[in-house]
Amino acid sequence: MRHLKKALIRILKTIQLVESVCCFVGLSVSTLLVTAQVFNRYWLHFEIMWFSDLALYSYLMFMFIAATLATWQESHVAVDFFRDSLLKGNERACAIYRVCTIIASIVIASTFLPVTFQIMEKALQYPEYGALVPWFNTSWIRIILTVSYSLVVLHLLVSARRDISDLIMFYRSRSRR
């Protein structure tokens, strides 16, 4: 059992590393392409149209994967203002709030997951090509959407397991006192 837990932790850390690298690459490529497009358009007066398309595609990939990374790190996704102002100083209420929020997030995300799989299935069946770059298959955007959304649900499940374990430990520690 211990080896299985270590293997799962290693897999999750690898997924997080891949997400981080993809975000870095996506943001870097998007920035470089937009900079090159602006340089070409305004200084060289020579616009390369597919730079804009490629910048948009890399930006979309970056944003989809950034959502999974934000879910994993629990940043920019949760609204902590309500918890911090309403439940200030009440550890039990904060723990319950976290569990309820994560469960609600899992339920909401899981309801949309089948739709993303349908979108991905159609993208695989019927490829679509770019208008300015006719050889470039743009169906991968919908595939990345499904993969990233699935990773969001995975990260939410991992967070839920942790938060529920923390809540159980909180109640056990209170009952021993």
C-alpha atoms as a PDB file:
ATOM      1  CA  MET A   1       0.000   0.000   0.000  1.00  0.00           C
ATOM      2  CA  ARG A   2       2.862   2.328   0.849  1.00  0.00           C
ATOM      3  CA  HIS A   3       4.458   1.767  -2.574  1.00  0.00           C
ATOM      4  CA  LEU A   4       1.163   2.535  -4.289  1.00  0.00           C
ATOM      5  CA  LYS A   5       0.883   5.814  -2.383  1.00  0.00           C
ATOM      6  CA  LYS A   6       4.454   6.763  -3.343  1.00  0.00           C
ATOM      7  CA  ALA A   7       3.748   5.893  -6.978  1.00  0.00           C
ATOM      8  CA  LEU A   8       0.573   8.025  -6.993  1.00  0.00           C
ATOM      9  CA  ILE A   9       2.423  10.938  -5.409  1.00  0.00           C
ATOM     10  CA  ARG A  10       5.172  10.614  -8.028  1.00  0.00           C
ATOM     11  CA  ILE A  11       2.576  10.537 -10.833  1.00  0.00           C
ATOM     12  CA  LEU A  12       0.808  13.628  -9.465  1.00  0.00           C
ATOM     13  CA  LYS A  13       4.109  15.491  -9.087  1.00  0.00           C
ATOM     14  CA  THR A  14       5.021  14.565 -12.676  1.00  0.00           C
ATOM     15  CA  ILE A  15       1.656  15.851 -13.899  1.00  0.00           C
ATOM     16  CA  GLN A  16       2.249  19.099 -12.006  1.00  0.00           C
ATOM     17  CA  LEU A  17       5.729  19.441 -13.509  1.00  0.00           C
ATOM     18  CA  VAL A  18       4.396  18.857 -17.042  1.00  0.00           C
ATOM     19  CA  GLU A  19       1.660  21.444 -16.417  1.00  0.00           C
ATOM     20  CA  SER A  20       4.236  23.966 -15.203  1.00  0.00           C
ATOM     21  CA  VAL A  21       6.486  23.389 -18.206  1.00  0.00           C
ATOM     22  CA  CYS A  22       3.536  23.662 -20.624  1.00  0.00           C
ATOM     23  CA  CYS A  23       2.469  26.934 -18.980  1.00  0.00           C
ATOM     24  CA  PHE A  24       5.995  28.310 -19.223  1.00  0.00           C
ATOM     25  CA  VAL A  25       6.329  27.283 -22.861  1.00  0.00           C
ATOM     26  CA  GLY A  26       2.846  28.525 -23.770  1.00  0.00           C
ATOM     27  CA  LEU A  27       3.367  31.915 -22.166  1.00  0.00           C
ATOM     28  CA  SER A  28       6.860  32.276 -23.629  1.00  0.00           C
ATOM     29  CA  VAL A  29       5.798  31.305 -27.152  1.00  0.00           C
ATOM     30  CA  SER A  30       2.725  33.558 -26.996  1.00  0.00           C
ATOM     31  CA  THR A  31       4.812  36.499 -25.816  1.00  0.00           C
ATOM     32  CA  LEU A  32       7.495  35.956 -28.445  1.00  0.00           C
ATOM     33  CA  LEU A  33       4.973  35.582 -31.268  1.00  0.00           C
ATOM     34  CA  VAL A  34       3.018  38.684 -30.278  1.00  0.00           C
ATOM     35  CA  THR A  35       6.271  40.644 -29.952  1.00  0.00           C
ATOM     36  CA  ALA A  36       7.415  39.407 -33.375  1.00  0.00           C
ATOM     37  CA  GLN A  37       4.030  40.262 -34.886  1.00  0.00           C
ATOM     38  CA  VAL A  38       4.114  43.797 -33.462  1.00  0.00           C
ATOM     39  CA  PHE A  39       7.725  44.249 -34.616  1.00  0.00           C
ATOM     40  CA  ASN A  40       6.885  42.989 -38.112  1.00  0.00           C
ATOM     41  CA  ARG A  41       3.721  45.022 -38.426  1.00  0.00           C
ATOM     42  CA  TYR A  42       4.835  48.405 -37.064  1.00  0.00           C
ATOM     43  CA  TRP A  43       8.566  48.548 -37.716  1.00  0.00           C
ATOM     44  CA  LEU A  44       9.070  46.385 -40.772  1.00  0.00           C
ATOM     45  CA  HIS A  45       5.572  47.037 -42.177  1.00  0.00           C
ATOM     46  CA  PHE A  46       5.389  43.381 -43.105  1.00  0.00           C
ATOM     47  CA  GLU A  47       2.618  41.471 -41.382  1.00  0.00           C
ATOM     48  CA  ILE A  48       2.883  37.699 -41.133  1.00  0.00           C
ATOM     49  CA  MET A  49      -0.708  36.601 -40.569  1.00  0.00           C
ATOM     50  CA  TRP A  50      -0.004  33.160 -39.185  1.00  0.00           C
ATOM     51  CA  PHE A  51       1.981  34.668 -36.294  1.00  0.00           C
ATOM     52  CA  SER A  52      -1.317  35.937 -34.895  1.00  0.00           C
ATOM     53  CA  ASP A  53      -2.983  32.548 -35.282  1.00  0.00           C
ATOM     54  CA  LEU A  54      -0.081  30.713 -33.709  1.00  0.00           C
ATOM     55  CA  ALA A  55       0.082  33.234 -30.850  1.00  0.00           C
ATOM     56  CA  LEU A  56      -3.639  32.753 -30.223  1.00  0.00           C
ATOM     57  CA  TYR A  57      -3.325  28.964 -30.246  1.00  0.00           C
ATOM     58  CA  SER A  58      -0.372  28.911 -27.885  1.00  0.00           C
ATOM     59  CA  TYR A  59      -2.156  31.382 -25.613  1.00  0.00           C
ATOM     60  CA  LEU A  60      -5.262  29.172 -25.529  1.00  0.00           C
ATOM     61  CA  MET A  61      -3.147  26.135 -24.665  1.00  0.00           C
ATOM     62  CA  PHE A  62      -1.421  28.138 -21.950  1.00  0.00           C
ATOM     63  CA  MET A  63      -4.726  29.307 -20.458  1.00  0.00           C
ATOM     64  CA  PHE A  64      -6.306  25.851 -20.422  1.00  0.00           C
ATOM     65  CA  ILE A  65      -3.290  24.345 -18.717  1.00  0.00           C
ATOM     66  CA  ALA A  66      -2.931  27.336 -16.381  1.00  0.00           C
ATOM     67  CA  ALA A  67      -6.428  26.542 -15.097  1.00  0.00           C
ATOM     68  CA  THR A  68      -5.273  23.059 -14.104  1.00  0.00           C
ATOM     69  CA  LEU A  69      -2.158  24.425 -12.443  1.00  0.00           C
ATOM     70  CA  ALA A  70      -4.190  27.046 -10.570  1.00  0.00           C
ATOM     71  CA  THR A  71      -6.547  24.337  -9.346  1.00  0.00           C
ATOM     72  CA  TRP A  72      -3.616  22.226  -8.197  1.00  0.00           C
ATOM     73  CA  GLN A  73      -2.057  25.131  -6.300  1.00  0.00           C
ATOM     74  CA  GLU A  74      -5.461  26.414  -5.138  1.00  0.00           C
ATOM     75  CA  SER A  75      -4.724  29.905  -6.391  1.00  0.00           C
ATOM     76  CA  HIS A  76      -6.909  32.282  -8.387  1.00  0.00           C
ATOM     77  CA  VAL A  77      -9.696  29.701  -8.305  1.00  0.00           C
ATOM     78  CA  ALA A  78     -11.071  29.833  -4.788  1.00  0.00           C
ATOM     79  CA  VAL A  79     -12.643  32.999  -3.462  1.00  0.00           C
ATOM     80  CA  ASP A  80     -11.198  33.240   0.017  1.00  0.00           C
ATOM     81  CA  PHE A  81     -12.607  36.633   0.933  1.00  0.00           C
ATOM     82  CA  PHE A  82     -15.905  35.204   2.218  1.00  0.00           C
ATOM     83  CA  ARG A  83     -14.192  32.501   4.221  1.00  0.00           C
ATOM     84  CA  ASP A  84     -11.644  34.875   5.698  1.00  0.00           C
ATOM     85  CA  SER A  85     -14.152  37.550   6.673  1.00  0.00           C
ATOM     86  CA  LEU A  86     -17.082  35.396   7.777  1.00  0.00           C
ATOM     87  CA  LEU A  87     -15.287  32.459   9.382  1.00  0.00           C
ATOM     88  CA  LYS A  88     -12.309  34.265  10.849  1.00  0.00           C
ATOM     89  CA  GLY A  89     -10.852  32.387  13.799  1.00  0.00           C
ATOM     90  CA  ASN A  90     -13.240  29.416  13.588  1.00  0.00           C
ATOM     91  CA  GLU A  91     -11.070  26.466  12.512  1.00  0.00           C
ATOM     92  CA  ARG A  92     -13.921  23.974  12.394  1.00  0.00           C
ATOM     93  CA  ALA A  93     -16.092  26.228  10.236  1.00  0.00           C
ATOM     94  CA  CYS A  94     -13.147  26.925   7.895  1.00  0.00           C
ATOM     95  CA  ALA A  95     -12.471  23.195   7.499  1.00  0.00           C
ATOM     96  CA  ILE A  96     -16.136  22.475   6.810  1.00  0.00           C
ATOM     97  CA  TYR A  97     -16.262  25.385   4.353  1.00  0.00           C
ATOM     98  CA  ARG A  98     -13.234  24.032   2.472  1.00  0.00           C
ATOM     99  CA  VAL A  99     -14.753  20.553   2.215  1.00  0.00           C
ATOM    100  CA  CYS A 100     -18.137  21.902   1.076  1.00  0.00           C
ATOM    101  CA  THR A 101     -16.505  24.217  -1.473  1.00  0.00           C
ATOM    102  CA  ILE A 102     -14.338  21.478  -2.932  1.00  0.00           C
ATOM    103  CA  ILE A 103     -17.250  19.032  -3.115  1.00  0.00           C
ATOM    104  CA  ALA A 104     -19.408  21.652  -4.852  1.00  0.00           C
ATOM    105  CA  SER A 105     -16.547  22.314  -7.286  1.00  0.00           C
ATOM    106  CA  ILE A 106     -16.226  18.597  -8.039  1.00  0.00           C
ATOM    107  CA  VAL A 107     -19.966  18.258  -8.646  1.00  0.00           C
ATOM    108  CA  ILE A 108     -20.057  21.287 -10.948  1.00  0.00           C
ATOM    109  CA  ALA A 109     -16.911  20.301 -12.836  1.00  0.00           C
ATOM    110  CA  SER A 110     -18.105  16.705 -13.186  1.00  0.00           C
ATOM    111  CA  THR A 111     -21.371  17.800 -14.777  1.00  0.00           C
ATOM    112  CA  PHE A 112     -19.451  19.522 -17.577  1.00  0.00           C
ATOM    113  CA  LEU A 113     -16.873  16.766 -18.035  1.00  0.00           C
ATOM    114  CA  PRO A 114     -19.076  14.579 -20.319  1.00  0.00           C
ATOM    115  CA  VAL A 115     -19.686  17.604 -22.551  1.00  0.00           C
ATOM    116  CA  THR A 116     -15.956  18.187 -22.959  1.00  0.00           C
ATOM    117  CA  PHE A 117     -15.500  14.531 -23.904  1.00  0.00           C
ATOM    118  CA  GLN A 118     -18.182  14.926 -26.582  1.00  0.00           C
ATOM    119  CA  ILE A 119     -16.387  18.010 -27.868  1.00  0.00           C
ATOM    120  CA  MET A 120     -13.112  16.084 -27.980  1.00  0.00           C
ATOM    121  CA  GLU A 121     -14.741  13.152 -29.751  1.00  0.00           C
ATOM    122  CA  LYS A 122     -16.101  15.452 -32.455  1.00  0.00           C
ATOM    123  CA  ALA A 123     -12.699  17.119 -32.771  1.00  0.00           C
ATOM    124  CA  LEU A 124     -11.124  13.724 -33.374  1.00  0.00           C
ATOM    125  CA  GLN A 125     -13.799  12.696 -35.889  1.00  0.00           C
ATOM    126  CA  TYR A 126     -14.016  15.970 -37.800  1.00  0.00           C
ATOM    127  CA  PRO A 127     -10.734  17.877 -37.924  1.00  0.00           C
ATOM    128  CA  GLU A 128     -10.934  21.612 -38.608  1.00  0.00           C
ATOM    129  CA  TYR A 129      -8.176  23.567 -40.268  1.00  0.00           C
ATOM    130  CA  GLY A 130      -7.126  27.183 -39.811  1.00  0.00           C
ATOM    131  CA  ALA A 131      -8.359  29.871 -42.175  1.00  0.00           C
ATOM    132  CA  LEU A 132      -5.007  31.595 -42.640  1.00  0.00           C
ATOM    133  CA  VAL A 133      -2.911  28.454 -42.318  1.00  0.00           C
ATOM    134  CA  PRO A 134      -4.964  25.833 -44.167  1.00  0.00           C
ATOM    135  CA  TRP A 135      -2.651  22.924 -43.311  1.00  0.00           C
ATOM    136  CA  PHE A 136      -2.831  23.588 -39.536  1.00  0.00           C
ATOM    137  CA  ASN A 137      -5.326  21.375 -37.696  1.00  0.00           C
ATOM    138  CA  THR A 138      -7.026  23.461 -34.983  1.00  0.00           C
ATOM    139  CA  SER A 139      -8.949  20.542 -33.459  1.00  0.00           C
ATOM    140  CA  TRP A 140      -6.194  20.082 -30.897  1.00  0.00           C
ATOM    141  CA  ILE A 141      -7.570  23.099 -29.028  1.00  0.00           C
ATOM    142  CA  ARG A 142     -10.690  21.132 -28.122  1.00  0.00           C
ATOM    143  CA  ILE A 143      -8.601  18.109 -27.201  1.00  0.00           C
ATOM    144  CA  ILE A 144      -6.445  20.229 -24.865  1.00  0.00           C
ATOM    145  CA  LEU A 145      -9.644  21.632 -23.338  1.00  0.00           C
ATOM    146  CA  THR A 146     -10.828  18.127 -22.450  1.00  0.00           C
ATOM    147  CA  VAL A 147      -7.453  17.047 -21.092  1.00  0.00           C
ATOM    148  CA  SER A 148      -7.068  20.172 -18.976  1.00  0.00           C
ATOM    149  CA  TYR A 149     -10.631  19.948 -17.687  1.00  0.00           C
ATOM    150  CA  SER A 150     -10.014  16.314 -16.728  1.00  0.00           C
ATOM    151  CA  LEU A 151      -6.885  17.393 -14.869  1.00  0.00           C
ATOM    152  CA  VAL A 152      -8.887  20.071 -13.049  1.00  0.00           C
ATOM    153  CA  VAL A 153     -11.273  17.362 -11.818  1.00  0.00           C
ATOM    154  CA  LEU A 154      -8.304  15.171 -10.811  1.00  0.00           C
ATOM    155  CA  HIS A 155      -6.724  18.011  -8.837  1.00  0.00           C
ATOM    156  CA  LEU A 156     -10.055  18.747  -7.159  1.00  0.00           C
ATOM    157  CA  LEU A 157     -10.381  15.098  -6.132  1.00  0.00           C
ATOM    158  CA  VAL A 158      -6.875  15.111  -4.649  1.00  0.00           C
ATOM    159  CA  SER A 159      -7.655  18.326  -2.764  1.00  0.00           C
ATOM    160  CA  ALA A 160     -10.948  16.861  -1.544  1.00  0.00           C
ATOM    161  CA  ARG A 161      -9.198  13.792  -0.181  1.00  0.00           C
ATOM    162  CA  ARG A 162      -6.727  15.990   1.659  1.00  0.00           C
ATOM    163  CA  ASP A 163      -9.372  18.377   3.014  1.00  0.00           C
ATOM    164  CA  ILE A 164     -11.655  15.573   4.172  1.00  0.00           C
ATOM    165  CA  SER A 165      -8.694  13.859   5.888  1.00  0.00           C
ATOM    166  CA  ASP A 166      -7.822  17.158   7.576  1.00  0.00           C
ATOM    167  CA  LEU A 167     -11.414  17.584   8.746  1.00  0.00           C
ATOM    168  CA  ILE A 168     -11.508  14.033  10.138  1.00  0.00           C
ATOM    169  CA  MET A 169      -8.195  14.608  11.938  1.00  0.00           C
ATOM    170  CA  PHE A 170      -9.550  17.901  13.308  1.00  0.00           C
ATOM    171  CA  TYR A 171     -12.572  16.126  14.783  1.00  0.00           C
ATOM    172  CA  ARG A 172     -10.419  13.287  16.166  1.00  0.00           C
ATOM    173  CA  SER A 173      -8.060  15.748  17.853  1.00  0.00           C
ATOM    174  CA  ARG A 174     -11.031  17.606  19.384  1.00  0.00           C
ATOM    175  CA  SER A 175     -12.626  14.407  20.692  1.00  0.00           C
ATOM    176  CA  ARG A 176      -9.379  13.333  22.443  1.00  0.00           C
ATOM    177  CA  ARG A 177      -9.219  16.531  24.476  1.00  0.00           C
END
